[in-house]
Every structure is written in C-alpha cells, then in structure tokens.
C-alpha atoms as a PDB file:
ATOM      1  CA  MET A   1      12.220   0.343   1.485  1.00  0.00           C
ATOM      2  CA  THR A   2      12.732  -1.880  -1.633  1.00  0.00           C
ATOM      3  CA  ASP A   3      11.833  -0.269  -5.035  1.00  0.00           C
ATOM      4  CA  TYR A   4       8.907  -1.809  -6.849  1.00  0.00           C
ATOM      5  CA  GLN A   5      10.037  -5.141  -9.122  1.00  0.00           C
ATOM      6  CA  PRO A   6       7.746  -5.051 -12.316  1.00  0.00           C
ATOM      7  CA  LYS A   7       5.838  -8.175 -12.694  1.00  0.00           C
ATOM      8  CA  TYR A   8       5.527  -7.981 -16.267  1.00  0.00           C
ATOM      9  CA  GLU A   9       7.571  -7.093 -19.659  1.00  0.00           C
ATOM     10  CA  TRP A  10       7.710  -3.301 -20.462  1.00  0.00           C
ATOM     11  CA  ARG A  11       8.765  -2.339 -23.910  1.00  0.00           C
ATOM     12  CA  ARG A  12       9.435   1.224 -25.227  1.00  0.00           C
ATOM     13  CA  THR A  13       6.415   2.740 -27.125  1.00  0.00           C
ATOM     14  CA  GLU A  14       6.826   2.667 -30.787  1.00  0.00           C
ATOM     15  CA  LEU A  15       4.119   4.832 -32.257  1.00  0.00           C
ATOM     16  CA  ASP A  16       5.493   4.413 -36.270  1.00  0.00           C
ATOM     17  CA  GLU A  17       8.634   4.592 -38.158  1.00  0.00           C
ATOM     18  CA  ASN A  18       9.041   8.383 -37.929  1.00  0.00           C
ATOM     19  CA  ASP A  19       8.892   8.453 -33.918  1.00  0.00           C
ATOM     20  CA  PRO A  20      11.719   6.311 -32.697  1.00  0.00           C
ATOM     21  CA  PRO A  21      11.091   4.601 -29.198  1.00  0.00           C
ATOM     22  CA  THR A  22      12.690   6.503 -26.040  1.00  0.00           C
ATOM     23  CA  ASP A  23      13.125   6.070 -22.488  1.00  0.00           C
ATOM     24  CA  LEU A  24      10.157   8.469 -21.670  1.00  0.00           C
ATOM     25  CA  ASP A  25       6.981   6.276 -23.100  1.00  0.00           C
ATOM     26  CA  TRP A  26       6.644   2.554 -22.159  1.00  0.00           C
ATOM     27  CA  ILE A  27       3.911  -0.141 -22.632  1.00  0.00           C
ATOM     28  CA  GLY A  28       3.328  -3.090 -20.444  1.00  0.00           C
ATOM     29  CA  MET A  29       2.633  -6.619 -21.863  1.00  0.00           C
ATOM     30  CA  ASP A  30       1.085  -9.715 -20.139  1.00  0.00           C
ATOM     31  CA  GLY A  31       2.174 -11.906 -22.881  1.00  0.00           C
ATOM     32  CA  VAL A  32       0.650 -10.487 -26.027  1.00  0.00           C
ATOM     33  CA  LEU A  33      -1.951  -8.263 -24.248  1.00  0.00           C
ATOM     34  CA  PRO A  34      -1.173  -4.913 -23.677  1.00  0.00           C
ATOM     35  CA  ILE A  35      -1.601  -3.865 -20.054  1.00  0.00           C
ATOM     36  CA  GLY A  36      -1.123   0.070 -20.156  1.00  0.00           C
ATOM     37  CA  ARG A  37       0.993   2.776 -20.738  1.00  0.00           C
ATOM     38  CA  ILE A  38       3.440   5.023 -18.544  1.00  0.00           C
ATOM     39  CA  ARG A  39       5.155   8.024 -20.250  1.00  0.00           C
ATOM     40  CA  LYS A  40       7.191  10.951 -18.597  1.00  0.00           C
ATOM     41  CA  GLU A  41       5.513  14.468 -18.941  1.00  0.00           C
ATOM     42  CA  THR A  42       8.112  16.900 -20.361  1.00  0.00           C
ATOM     43  CA  ALA A  43       6.240  20.070 -20.034  1.00  0.00           C
ATOM     44  CA  GLY A  44       3.274  22.012 -18.405  1.00  0.00           C
ATOM     45  CA  PRO A  45       2.052  21.553 -15.217  1.00  0.00           C
ATOM     46  CA  THR A  46       2.730  17.671 -14.791  1.00  0.00           C
ATOM     47  CA  LYS A  47       6.309  18.337 -15.793  1.00  0.00           C
ATOM     48  CA  GLY A  48       8.471  15.500 -14.612  1.00  0.00           C
ATOM     49  CA  LYS A  49       5.990  13.446 -13.552  1.00  0.00           C
ATOM     50  CA  TRP A  50       5.170   9.880 -14.820  1.00  0.00           C
ATOM     51  CA  HIS A  51       1.384   9.386 -16.523  1.00  0.00           C
ATOM     52  CA  TRP A  52       0.057   6.268 -16.135  1.00  0.00           C
ATOM     53  CA  ALA A  53      -2.929   4.600 -18.076  1.00  0.00           C
ATOM     54  CA  GLY A  54      -4.523   0.926 -17.106  1.00  0.00           C
ATOM     55  CA  TRP A  55      -5.681  -0.877 -19.805  1.00  0.00           C
ATOM     56  CA  TYR A  56      -8.248  -3.785 -18.914  1.00  0.00           C
ATOM     57  CA  PRO A  57      -8.397  -7.164 -20.253  1.00  0.00           C
ATOM     58  CA  LYS A  58     -10.426  -7.466 -23.620  1.00  0.00           C
ATOM     59  CA  THR A  59     -10.701 -11.202 -22.798  1.00  0.00           C
ATOM     60  CA  HIS A  60     -12.970  -9.974 -19.778  1.00  0.00           C
ATOM     61  CA  MET A  61     -16.157  -8.186 -19.752  1.00  0.00           C
ATOM     62  CA  GLY A  62     -18.107  -5.703 -17.309  1.00  0.00           C
ATOM     63  CA  SER A  63     -17.211  -2.755 -15.586  1.00  0.00           C
ATOM     64  CA  PRO A  64     -13.506  -1.822 -15.091  1.00  0.00           C
ATOM     65  CA  PRO A  65     -12.362  -0.352 -11.847  1.00  0.00           C
ATOM     66  CA  THR A  66     -11.637   2.954 -11.255  1.00  0.00           C
ATOM     67  CA  PRO A  67      -9.384   5.196 -11.714  1.00  0.00           C
ATOM     68  CA  ASN A  68      -7.571   3.655 -14.567  1.00  0.00           C
ATOM     69  CA  ALA A  69      -5.048   6.881 -14.902  1.00  0.00           C
ATOM     70  CA  GLY A  70      -3.075   9.131 -12.958  1.00  0.00           C
ATOM     71  CA  TYR A  71       0.041  10.816 -12.402  1.00  0.00           C
ATOM     72  CA  GLU A  72       3.292   9.387  -9.816  1.00  0.00           C
ATOM     73  CA  ALA A  73       6.557  10.648  -9.129  1.00  0.00           C
ATOM     74  CA  THR A  74       8.607   7.892 -10.703  1.00  0.00           C
ATOM     75  CA  ALA A  75       8.343   5.288 -13.347  1.00  0.00           C
ATOM     76  CA  ARG A  76       8.027   2.567 -11.012  1.00  0.00           C
ATOM     77  CA  MET A  77       5.264   3.661  -9.288  1.00  0.00           C
ATOM     78  CA  ALA A  78       3.655   4.628 -12.521  1.00  0.00           C
ATOM     79  CA  THR A  79       4.389   0.951 -13.439  1.00  0.00           C
ATOM     80  CA  GLN A  80       3.135  -0.614 -10.167  1.00  0.00           C
ATOM     81  CA  LYS A  81      -0.144   1.397 -10.968  1.00  0.00           C
ATOM     82  CA  VAL A  82      -0.582  -0.030 -14.229  1.00  0.00           C
ATOM     83  CA  GLU A  83       0.276  -3.485 -13.018  1.00  0.00           C
ATOM     84  CA  ASP A  84      -2.097  -3.356  -9.860  1.00  0.00           C
ATOM     85  CA  PHE A  85      -4.957  -2.142 -12.405  1.00  0.00           C
ATOM     86  CA  TRP A  86      -4.506  -4.942 -14.757  1.00  0.00           C
ATOM     87  CA  GLU A  87      -4.499  -7.557 -11.861  1.00  0.00           C
ATOM     88  CA  LEU A  88      -7.574  -5.884 -10.129  1.00  0.00           C
ATOM     89  CA  SER A  89      -9.431  -5.877 -13.611  1.00  0.00           C
ATOM     90  CA  GLN A  90      -9.081  -9.474 -14.129  1.00  0.00           C
ATOM     91  CA  ARG A  91     -10.322 -10.113 -10.544  1.00  0.00           C
ATOM     92  CA  VAL A  92     -13.505  -7.832 -10.720  1.00  0.00           C
ATOM     93  CA  MET A  93     -14.421  -8.681 -14.448  1.00  0.00           C
ATOM     94  CA  ALA A  94     -15.808 -11.930 -15.904  1.00  0.00           C
ATOM     95  CA  PRO A  95     -14.135 -13.849 -18.345  1.00  0.00           C
ATOM     96  CA  ARG A  96     -15.689 -13.624 -22.006  1.00  0.00           C
ATOM     97  CA  GLN A  97     -17.301 -17.258 -22.569  1.00  0.00           C
ATOM     98  CA  ARG A  98     -15.464 -18.936 -25.584  1.00  0.00           C
ATOM     99  CA  ASP A  99     -17.817 -20.071 -28.362  1.00  0.00           C
ATOM    100  CA  ALA A 100     -17.917 -23.634 -28.027  1.00  0.00           C
ATOM    101  CA  SER A 101     -18.655 -24.645 -31.391  1.00  0.00           C
ATOM    102  CA  PRO A 102     -16.587 -26.541 -33.377  1.00  0.00           C
END
C-alpha cells in the first residue's frame, strides 16, 4: 500500500513571532485559501495522535459536511481527512454569486 500523497500545499503553522513553527502543527492551503489544520497531540488521552480540522471554502455557502474534525494515527492520514473534507465541501456547497455590478 502506498502512502497518501498530499494534493495541496502544507505549511508549518505560525501563530505569531513568539511561537515559532514546528513539525507538529500544519495548515493546508489551496492557493491563498486555507483548507484546514493538523497538529500532533503531545499530552493527554489523545497523546501521539494527529488532530485534524477541515475548513469549508468561504467562497461557498450552505451547510458544510460533517464531521469536520477528528483524530488519526498519522500526519498523512490526517492530511487526507482535511483534503477530502475540503473537496467534499466544494461539491456539496454552492458557490457564492459574485456581484455583477461594474
């Protein structure tokens, strides 16, 4: 079995200048649009698992699909969950109409 290959760009999350990015926290990007975030849990009952949270496109409207978050054993599996959620959101939600005025 081949590991999942991400379709989108993934960047280390940078919260601010006092919190440098690490390999444990990533944001996925579709061009300039953020698609979701994954981060490795380092403590508690989910220690060692990767939390994923999918974000729906702000360019669309309607009810986003669920679930939009969960836990996976690996970063690749969490990445796939976010990317699948993003693509499903684009299919089931309607694009917002752009203002046609000049």
